[in-house]
Amino acid sequence: MASKNTDDPNDQRLVVTRIDFSNEPVDDHADAKATQVLEHAGQPIIKPQPLFMKRARGYVPEPIILSHEMPAILGLGGQNKNTLCIIRGKEAFVSQPIGDLNNPATIHDFHQTLTHLLKVLNIKPDYVAHDFHPDFYTTRIAENFAVPAYPVQHHHAHLSSVAAEYSVQGPVLGLALDGFGIGENQQHWGGELFFLQGSQYRRLACLQPLPQPGGSEIVAREPWRMALAVLFAIHLESEIPRLLKSFKYAPLLELLKRKIHCPLTSSCGRLFEAISALLGVCSYANYDGQAALELEGIIQTGEVAQAGWKMTENHLDMLPLVPYLLDQSPSKAAAVFHVTFAHALTEWVKRYAINLQISTVLLSGGCFVNKALSALLLNNLKQAGLNPFLPEQLPPHDGGLSLGQAWVVSQMLEKNQ
């Protein structure tokens, strides 16, 4: 607990937080005297709808019931916000949030959790599923299980976790709005429209790709870099000195001009970060999703900017909206961005739904923790006559990947029987 003084010396606020660090294992030693628990599942964090942020104590290890019996499959999850999933018959057991697999403590907790789950469930996996990314820790250890291991594309797993929860077989459309995932073309994906059926998927279109000056890891920590990329992309270089005067942008601008060390991304998360930084809301991020969260936090009221996007055969481009946003107050611009983006996404999905004669739409990815975007998009899709599904029993972020991975492998095995 901590008190924090605002600009008003008489205004003191009490902040109450959890004892575990962000995306690290729960420090069960610190509160051992206060609470004796057998498993440190953590406290669940939920937004209304319901929408899980963390599926933890009180919900873990309650299984998710599947449509039919399946082989014993272990889903290893992703690199960040990791969870494990074990399918046993008609039950999918998803672990508590383990965290980001980039430090020894979390990796130790990962193996401890895996050993415990296998022992408690009295099961040995016949198959293993892991992320498509070659450098993820879970990918590197997948071959250690001496059973067949199958890679699953990141956003395919996101959407398949929703299919598993609702027992959807397809054909369906899937909209993945996320921060990062390697695509089969080795590009950075994160704003994808898929066709899905069983274990198969086809990428129909994506958000207009943007360059990431300096690479994906640093732009996530420094959203102003994506703001620079957007201004460069829409030929508003004359606005850079005014909007980014506090930043050393000249070397990065040269990288953009020469197309060096600026990998392209279709990430929805990077788009939110660009808008947040352009409006002066968040230029540096201390935690995952901060720029988007703070942008959502200043929303007031706004209308759809009808000329704020364009659709091509392969892309949805939101950059036409940017000049309009720059002429508004940050709170008005934030609202206009959210309502316009939700409207554009609806029109985009509806176009493919009509062409393919599909009405069911699966929604997943880390950007759906944005309550405003989720509510707007769900409402718009329903009004358009579509049937959208957003995860309810798992978070839409990477905490749901393990179930989606296991589900994809189960569908593949059924197809091959």
Foldseek 3Di string as FASTA:
>chain_A
DDWDDDPDNVDIDDDDDAPDDAQADHPCVVCCVPDPDPDCFDDWDFDPVTFTPWQTPPQPQPWQFFPFFFAFEWFFFFQAQTWIWTGGTRTIGIGGRLGGNPDPRSVVVSVVRVVVVCVVVVDQHQEYEYAPDCPGPCNVCRVVSVHHYYHDWQVLLLLLLLCGNVVPADQAKEFFAAQFTQDPVRATEGGFIWGDGQLDIDTQAFADKWWQQQDSPVCQFFLCSLLVRLCVVVVVPVCCCVLPVVDPCVVSVVCSVVVHNTGIYRHNLSVLSNLLSSLVQDGGDPDGPPSNVSLLVLADAEDEPPQQWDDDRHHIYRSSNVVVLNVDHSRHSSNRVLLNVLVSVLVVVLVVCVVVVHQEYEYAYDVCVSVSNVVNNCVSSVVSVHHYTYDDSAHRYSSSSSSSRRSSVRSVVVVVD
